PDB file of all heavy atoms in Angstrom:
ATOM      1  N   LYS A   1      52.452 260.083 184.563  1.00  0.00           N
ATOM      2  CA  LYS A   1      51.924 258.961 183.784  1.00  0.00           C
ATOM      3  C   LYS A   1      52.114 257.619 184.485  1.00  0.00           C
ATOM      4  O   LYS A   1      51.280 256.726 184.357  1.00  0.00           O
ATOM      5  CB  LYS A   1      52.590 258.919 182.406  1.00  0.00           C
ATOM      6  CG  LYS A   1      52.176 260.045 181.483  1.00  0.00           C
ATOM      7  CD  LYS A   1      50.719 259.930 181.083  1.00  0.00           C
ATOM      8  CE  LYS A   1      50.457 258.747 180.172  1.00  0.00           C
ATOM      9  NZ  LYS A   1      49.024 258.651 179.787  1.00  0.00           N
ATOM     10  N   ALA A   2      53.216 257.455 185.205  1.00  0.00           N
ATOM     11  CA  ALA A   2      53.473 256.169 185.858  1.00  0.00           C
ATOM     12  C   ALA A   2      52.475 255.868 186.955  1.00  0.00           C
ATOM     13  O   ALA A   2      52.261 254.700 187.300  1.00  0.00           O
ATOM     14  CB  ALA A   2      54.891 256.156 186.432  1.00  0.00           C
ATOM     15  N   ASN A   3      51.846 256.891 187.510  1.00  0.00           N
ATOM     16  CA  ASN A   3      51.040 256.707 188.713  1.00  0.00           C
ATOM     17  C   ASN A   3      49.557 256.988 188.556  1.00  0.00           C
ATOM     18  O   ASN A   3      48.752 256.501 189.348  1.00  0.00           O
ATOM     19  CB  ASN A   3      51.609 257.603 189.829  1.00  0.00           C
ATOM     20  CG  ASN A   3      53.001 257.181 190.235  1.00  0.00           C
ATOM     21  OD1 ASN A   3      53.196 256.134 190.836  1.00  0.00           O
ATOM     22  ND2 ASN A   3      53.997 257.992 189.897  1.00  0.00           N
ATOM     23  N   ILE A   4      49.179 257.769 187.567  1.00  0.00           N
ATOM     24  CA  ILE A   4      47.759 258.112 187.445  1.00  0.00           C
ATOM     25  C   ILE A   4      46.931 256.911 187.006  1.00  0.00           C
ATOM     26  O   ILE A   4      45.800 256.728 187.459  1.00  0.00           O
ATOM     27  CB  ILE A   4      47.562 259.313 186.477  1.00  0.00           C
ATOM     28  CG1 ILE A   4      46.190 259.935 186.671  1.00  0.00           C
ATOM     29  CG2 ILE A   4      47.807 258.903 185.040  1.00  0.00           C
ATOM     30  CD1 ILE A   4      46.020 260.676 187.967  1.00  0.00           C
ATOM     31  N   ALA A   5      47.476 256.066 186.120  1.00  0.00           N
ATOM     32  CA  ALA A   5      46.721 254.893 185.660  1.00  0.00           C
ATOM     33  C   ALA A   5      46.496 253.880 186.787  1.00  0.00           C
ATOM     34  O   ALA A   5      45.378 253.388 186.962  1.00  0.00           O
ATOM     35  CB  ALA A   5      47.421 254.244 184.461  1.00  0.00           C
ATOM     36  N   PRO A   6      47.518 253.516 187.589  1.00  0.00           N
ATOM     37  CA  PRO A   6      47.228 252.633 188.725  1.00  0.00           C
ATOM     38  C   PRO A   6      46.280 253.259 189.736  1.00  0.00           C
ATOM     39  O   PRO A   6      45.456 252.563 190.334  1.00  0.00           O
ATOM     40  CB  PRO A   6      48.619 252.393 189.343  1.00  0.00           C
ATOM     41  CG  PRO A   6      49.580 252.658 188.255  1.00  0.00           C
ATOM     42  CD  PRO A   6      48.965 253.742 187.426  1.00  0.00           C
ATOM     43  N   LEU A   7      46.379 254.575 189.950  1.00  0.00           N
ATOM     44  CA  LEU A   7      45.521 255.230 190.941  1.00  0.00           C
ATOM     45  C   LEU A   7      44.049 255.082 190.592  1.00  0.00           C
ATOM     46  O   LEU A   7      43.215 254.810 191.470  1.00  0.00           O
ATOM     47  CB  LEU A   7      45.893 256.714 191.048  1.00  0.00           C
ATOM     48  CG  LEU A   7      45.053 257.533 192.044  1.00  0.00           C
ATOM     49  CD1 LEU A   7      45.271 257.038 193.469  1.00  0.00           C
ATOM     50  CD2 LEU A   7      45.387 259.019 191.938  1.00  0.00           C
ATOM     51  N   ILE A   8      43.690 255.234 189.318  1.00  0.00           N
ATOM     52  CA  ILE A   8      42.267 255.173 188.957  1.00  0.00           C
ATOM     53  C   ILE A   8      41.732 253.756 189.112  1.00  0.00           C
ATOM     54  O   ILE A   8      40.602 253.561 189.582  1.00  0.00           O
ATOM     55  CB  ILE A   8      42.032 255.709 187.523  1.00  0.00           C
ATOM     56  CG1 ILE A   8      40.523 255.867 187.278  1.00  0.00           C
ATOM     57  CG2 ILE A   8      42.663 254.819 186.469  1.00  0.00           C
ATOM     58  CD1 ILE A   8      40.199 256.588 185.977  1.00  0.00           C
ATOM     59  N   ALA A   9      42.522 252.751 188.746  1.00  0.00           N
ATOM     60  CA  ALA A   9      42.027 251.373 188.854  1.00  0.00           C
ATOM     61  C   ALA A   9      41.955 250.916 190.299  1.00  0.00           C
ATOM     62  O   ALA A   9      41.123 250.070 190.648  1.00  0.00           O
ATOM     63  CB  ALA A   9      42.922 250.437 188.040  1.00  0.00           C
ATOM     64  N   GLU A  10      42.788 251.462 191.174  1.00  0.00           N
ATOM     65  CA  GLU A  10      42.767 251.072 192.584  1.00  0.00           C
ATOM     66  C   GLU A  10      41.493 251.514 193.297  1.00  0.00           C
ATOM     67  O   GLU A  10      41.213 251.037 194.396  1.00  0.00           O
ATOM     68  CB  GLU A  10      43.988 251.661 193.300  1.00  0.00           C
ATOM     69  CG  GLU A  10      45.260 250.887 193.036  1.00  0.00           C
ATOM     70  CD  GLU A  10      46.463 251.493 193.716  1.00  0.00           C
ATOM     71  OE1 GLU A  10      46.418 252.687 194.083  1.00  0.00           O
ATOM     72  OE2 GLU A  10      47.454 250.765 193.890  1.00  0.00           O
ATOM     73  N   GLN A  11      40.734 252.377 192.664  1.00  0.00           N
ATOM     74  CA  GLN A  11      39.480 252.800 193.288  1.00  0.00           C
ATOM     75  C   GLN A  11      38.426 251.685 193.224  1.00  0.00           C
ATOM     76  O   GLN A  11      37.401 251.760 193.896  1.00  0.00           O
ATOM     77  CB  GLN A  11      38.950 254.077 192.622  1.00  0.00           C
ATOM     78  CG  GLN A  11      39.956 255.228 192.564  1.00  0.00           C
ATOM     79  CD  GLN A  11      40.655 255.475 193.882  1.00  0.00           C
ATOM     80  OE1 GLN A  11      40.018 255.688 194.925  1.00  0.00           O
ATOM     81  NE2 GLN A  11      41.989 255.439 193.858  1.00  0.00           N
ATOM     82  N   TYR A  12      38.655 250.656 192.401  1.00  0.00           N
ATOM     83  CA  TYR A  12      37.764 249.491 192.344  1.00  0.00           C
ATOM     84  C   TYR A  12      38.286 248.437 193.312  1.00  0.00           C
ATOM     85  O   TYR A  12      39.449 248.027 193.231  1.00  0.00           O
ATOM     86  CB  TYR A  12      37.714 248.939 190.917  1.00  0.00           C
ATOM     87  CG  TYR A  12      36.791 247.756 190.759  1.00  0.00           C
ATOM     88  CD1 TYR A  12      35.408 247.902 190.869  1.00  0.00           C
ATOM     89  CD2 TYR A  12      37.300 246.485 190.500  1.00  0.00           C
ATOM     90  CE1 TYR A  12      34.560 246.809 190.726  1.00  0.00           C
ATOM     91  CE2 TYR A  12      36.458 245.394 190.345  1.00  0.00           C
ATOM     92  CZ  TYR A  12      35.093 245.565 190.470  1.00  0.00           C
ATOM     93  OH  TYR A  12      34.258 244.489 190.331  1.00  0.00           O
ATOM     94  N   ARG A  13      37.456 247.963 194.233  1.00  0.00           N
ATOM     95  CA  ARG A  13      37.932 247.146 195.345  1.00  0.00           C
ATOM     96  C   ARG A  13      37.968 245.651 195.060  1.00  0.00           C
ATOM     97  O   ARG A  13      38.738 244.930 195.686  1.00  0.00           O
ATOM     98  CB  ARG A  13      37.054 247.400 196.584  1.00  0.00           C
ATOM     99  CG  ARG A  13      37.016 248.868 196.965  1.00  0.00           C
ATOM    100  CD  ARG A  13      36.350 249.085 198.303  1.00  0.00           C
ATOM    101  NE  ARG A  13      36.276 250.495 198.647  1.00  0.00           N
ATOM    102  CZ  ARG A  13      36.212 250.958 199.875  1.00  0.00           C
ATOM    103  NH1 ARG A  13      36.199 250.131 200.887  1.00  0.00           N
ATOM    104  NH2 ARG A  13      36.150 252.251 200.096  1.00  0.00           N
ATOM    105  N   GLU A  14      37.102 245.156 194.198  1.00  0.00           N
ATOM    106  CA  GLU A  14      37.088 243.715 193.928  1.00  0.00           C
ATOM    107  C   GLU A  14      38.358 243.327 193.163  1.00  0.00           C
ATOM    108  O   GLU A  14      38.744 243.991 192.207  1.00  0.00           O
ATOM    109  CB  GLU A  14      35.867 243.340 193.085  1.00  0.00           C
ATOM    110  CG  GLU A  14      34.548 243.494 193.813  1.00  0.00           C
ATOM    111  CD  GLU A  14      34.300 242.405 194.836  1.00  0.00           C
ATOM    112  OE1 GLU A  14      35.060 241.423 194.845  1.00  0.00           O
ATOM    113  OE2 GLU A  14      33.346 242.536 195.615  1.00  0.00           O
ATOM    114  N   ASP A  15      38.990 242.238 193.578  1.00  0.00           N
ATOM    115  CA  ASP A  15      40.196 241.806 192.886  1.00  0.00           C
ATOM    116  C   ASP A  15      40.143 240.344 192.452  1.00  0.00           C
ATOM    117  O   ASP A  15      41.126 239.811 191.950  1.00  0.00           O
ATOM    118  CB  ASP A  15      41.436 242.040 193.755  1.00  0.00           C
ATOM    119  CG  ASP A  15      41.387 241.260 195.068  1.00  0.00           C
ATOM    120  OD1 ASP A  15      40.367 240.598 195.321  1.00  0.00           O
ATOM    121  OD2 ASP A  15      42.368 241.324 195.832  1.00  0.00           O
ATOM    122  N   ARG A  16      38.978 239.687 192.644  1.00  0.00           N
ATOM    123  CA  ARG A  16      38.851 238.290 192.233  1.00  0.00           C
ATOM    124  C   ARG A  16      37.505 238.077 191.540  1.00  0.00           C
ATOM    125  O   ARG A  16      36.487 238.673 191.944  1.00  0.00           O
ATOM    126  CB  ARG A  16      38.932 237.352 193.455  1.00  0.00           C
ATOM    127  CG  ARG A  16      40.205 237.489 194.246  1.00  0.00           C
ATOM    128  CD  ARG A  16      40.290 236.453 195.356  1.00  0.00           C
ATOM    129  NE  ARG A  16      39.088 236.414 196.175  1.00  0.00           N
ATOM    130  CZ  ARG A  16      38.840 237.241 197.173  1.00  0.00           C
ATOM    131  NH1 ARG A  16      39.694 238.203 197.464  1.00  0.00           N
ATOM    132  NH2 ARG A  16      37.741 237.137 197.877  1.00  0.00           N
ATOM    133  N   PRO A  17      37.463 237.236 190.519  1.00  0.00           N
ATOM    134  CA  PRO A  17      36.185 236.947 189.864  1.00  0.00           C
ATOM    135  C   PRO A  17      35.283 236.120 190.772  1.00  0.00           C
ATOM    136  O   PRO A  17      35.759 235.335 191.602  1.00  0.00           O
ATOM    137  CB  PRO A  17      36.598 236.161 188.617  1.00  0.00           C
ATOM    138  CG  PRO A  17      37.904 235.553 188.965  1.00  0.00           C
ATOM    139  CD  PRO A  17      38.588 236.518 189.888  1.00  0.00           C
ATOM    140  N   TYR A  18      33.983 236.312 190.633  1.00  0.00           N
ATOM    141  CA  TYR A  18      33.045 235.509 191.401  1.00  0.00           C
ATOM    142  C   TYR A  18      31.799 235.257 190.551  1.00  0.00           C
ATOM    143  O   TYR A  18      31.501 235.973 189.602  1.00  0.00           O
ATOM    144  CB  TYR A  18      32.668 236.179 192.725  1.00  0.00           C
ATOM    145  CG  TYR A  18      31.997 237.529 192.602  1.00  0.00           C
ATOM    146  CD1 TYR A  18      30.612 237.636 192.443  1.00  0.00           C
ATOM    147  CD2 TYR A  18      32.741 238.703 192.653  1.00  0.00           C
ATOM    148  CE1 TYR A  18      29.989 238.865 192.330  1.00  0.00           C
ATOM    149  CE2 TYR A  18      32.128 239.938 192.540  1.00  0.00           C
ATOM    150  CZ  TYR A  18      30.754 240.017 192.381  1.00  0.00           C
ATOM    151  OH  TYR A  18      30.137 241.239 192.264  1.00  0.00           O
ATOM    152  N   VAL A  19      31.084 234.214 190.924  1.00  0.00           N
ATOM    153  CA  VAL A  19      29.882 233.813 190.194  1.00  0.00           C
ATOM    154  C   VAL A  19      28.666 234.368 190.914  1.00  0.00           C
ATOM    155  O   VAL A  19      28.591 234.340 192.148  1.00  0.00           O
ATOM    156  CB  VAL A  19      29.784 232.274 190.105  1.00  0.00           C
ATOM    157  CG1 VAL A  19      28.500 231.864 189.375  1.00  0.00           C
ATOM    158  CG2 VAL A  19      31.002 231.709 189.391  1.00  0.00           C
ATOM    159  N   THR A  20      27.723 234.893 190.165  1.00  0.00           N
ATOM    160  CA  THR A  20      26.466 235.347 190.739  1.00  0.00           C
ATOM    161  C   THR A  20      25.334 234.984 189.774  1.00  0.00           C
ATOM    162  O   THR A  20      25.577 234.623 188.620  1.00  0.00           O
ATOM    163  CB  THR A  20      26.492 236.862 191.010  1.00  0.00           C
ATOM    164  OG1 THR A  20      25.357 237.224 191.800  1.00  0.00           O
ATOM    165  CG2 THR A  20      26.471 237.646 189.708  1.00  0.00           C
ATOM    166  N   THR A  21      24.104 235.072 190.256  1.00  0.00           N
ATOM    167  CA  THR A  21      22.948 234.677 189.466  1.00  0.00           C
ATOM    168  C   THR A  21      22.045 235.878 189.222  1.00  0.00           C
ATOM    169  O   THR A  21      21.703 236.609 190.165  1.00  0.00           O
ATOM    170  CB  THR A  21      22.147 233.574 190.181  1.00  0.00           C
ATOM    171  OG1 THR A  21      23.019 232.474 190.458  1.00  0.00           O
ATOM    172  CG2 THR A  21      20.994 233.096 189.313  1.00  0.00           C
ATOM    173  N   LEU A  22      21.674 236.087 187.978  1.00  0.00           N
ATOM    174  CA  LEU A  22      20.754 237.170 187.637  1.00  0.00           C
ATOM    175  C   LEU A  22      19.317 236.774 187.958  1.00  0.00           C
ATOM    176  O   LEU A  22      19.012 235.603 188.179  1.00  0.00           O
ATOM    177  CB  LEU A  22      20.873 237.510 186.156  1.00  0.00           C
ATOM    178  CG  LEU A  22      22.257 237.861 185.608  1.00  0.00           C
ATOM    179  CD1 LEU A  22      22.148 238.218 184.148  1.00  0.00           C
ATOM    180  CD2 LEU A  22      22.880 238.981 186.395  1.00  0.00           C
ATOM    181  N   ALA A  23      18.433 237.755 187.956  1.00  0.00           N
ATOM    182  CA  ALA A  23      17.012 237.484 188.195  1.00  0.00           C
ATOM    183  C   ALA A  23      16.447 236.570 187.114  1.00  0.00           C
ATOM    184  O   ALA A  23      15.502 235.818 187.347  1.00  0.00           O
ATOM    185  CB  ALA A  23      16.223 238.784 188.236  1.00  0.00           C
ATOM    186  N   SER A  24      17.060 236.625 185.927  1.00  0.00           N
ATOM    187  CA  SER A  24      16.607 235.763 184.826  1.00  0.00           C
ATOM    188  C   SER A  24      16.998 234.315 185.046  1.00  0.00           C
ATOM    189  O   SER A  24      16.545 233.426 184.320  1.00  0.00           O
ATOM    190  CB  SER A  24      17.205 236.257 183.507  1.00  0.00           C
ATOM    191  OG  SER A  24      18.621 236.157 183.544  1.00  0.00           O
ATOM    192  N   GLY A  25      17.840 234.077 186.043  1.00  0.00           N
ATOM    193  CA  GLY A  25      18.298 232.717 186.299  1.00  0.00           C
ATOM    194  C   GLY A  25      19.657 232.423 185.692  1.00  0.00           C
ATOM    195  O   GLY A  25      20.248 231.379 185.976  1.00  0.00           O
ATOM    196  N   GLU A  26      20.178 233.340 184.869  1.00  0.00           N
ATOM    197  CA  GLU A  26      21.478 233.112 184.244  1.00  0.00           C
ATOM    198  C   GLU A  26      22.577 233.316 185.277  1.00  0.00           C
ATOM    199  O   GLU A  26      22.589 234.284 186.018  1.00  0.00           O
ATOM    200  CB  GLU A  26      21.690 234.071 183.082  1.00  0.00           C
ATOM    201  CG  GLU A  26      23.048 233.873 182.393  1.00  0.00           C
ATOM    202  CD  GLU A  26      23.336 234.927 181.343  1.00  0.00           C
ATOM    203  OE1 GLU A  26      22.559 235.901 181.245  1.00  0.00           O
ATOM    204  OE2 GLU A  26      24.355 234.793 180.639  1.00  0.00           O
ATOM    205  N   ARG A  27      23.495 232.370 185.315  1.00  0.00           N
ATOM    206  CA  ARG A  27      24.668 232.498 186.171  1.00  0.00           C
ATOM    207  C   ARG A  27      25.808 233.097 185.361  1.00  0.00           C
ATOM    208  O   ARG A  27      26.113 232.640 184.259  1.00  0.00           O
ATOM    209  CB  ARG A  27      25.061 231.135 186.752  1.00  0.00           C
ATOM    210  CG  ARG A  27      23.939 230.495 187.572  1.00  0.00           C
ATOM    211  CD  ARG A  27      24.337 229.136 188.122  1.00  0.00           C
ATOM    212  NE  ARG A  27      25.282 229.244 189.219  1.00  0.00           N
ATOM    213  CZ  ARG A  27      26.526 228.758 189.193  1.00  0.00           C
ATOM    214  NH1 ARG A  27      26.959 228.137 188.107  1.00  0.00           N
ATOM    215  NH2 ARG A  27      27.329 228.898 190.232  1.00  0.00           N
ATOM    216  N   VAL A  28      26.421 234.134 185.903  1.00  0.00           N
ATOM    217  CA  VAL A  28      27.488 234.834 185.196  1.00  0.00           C
ATOM    218  C   VAL A  28      28.675 235.028 186.130  1.00  0.00           C
ATOM    219  O   VAL A  28      28.549 234.908 187.349  1.00  0.00           O
ATOM    220  CB  VAL A  28      27.018 236.216 184.682  1.00  0.00           C
ATOM    221  CG1 VAL A  28      25.930 236.075 183.637  1.00  0.00           C
ATOM    222  CG2 VAL A  28      26.558 237.091 185.843  1.00  0.00           C
TER     223      VAL A  28
END
């Protein structure tokens, strides 16, 4: 239990929020 939860989340590489723009023009 101590290790399976961190292992699954570590498969996602982004670690910082960033701003991007959708085709609709909305910035999120």
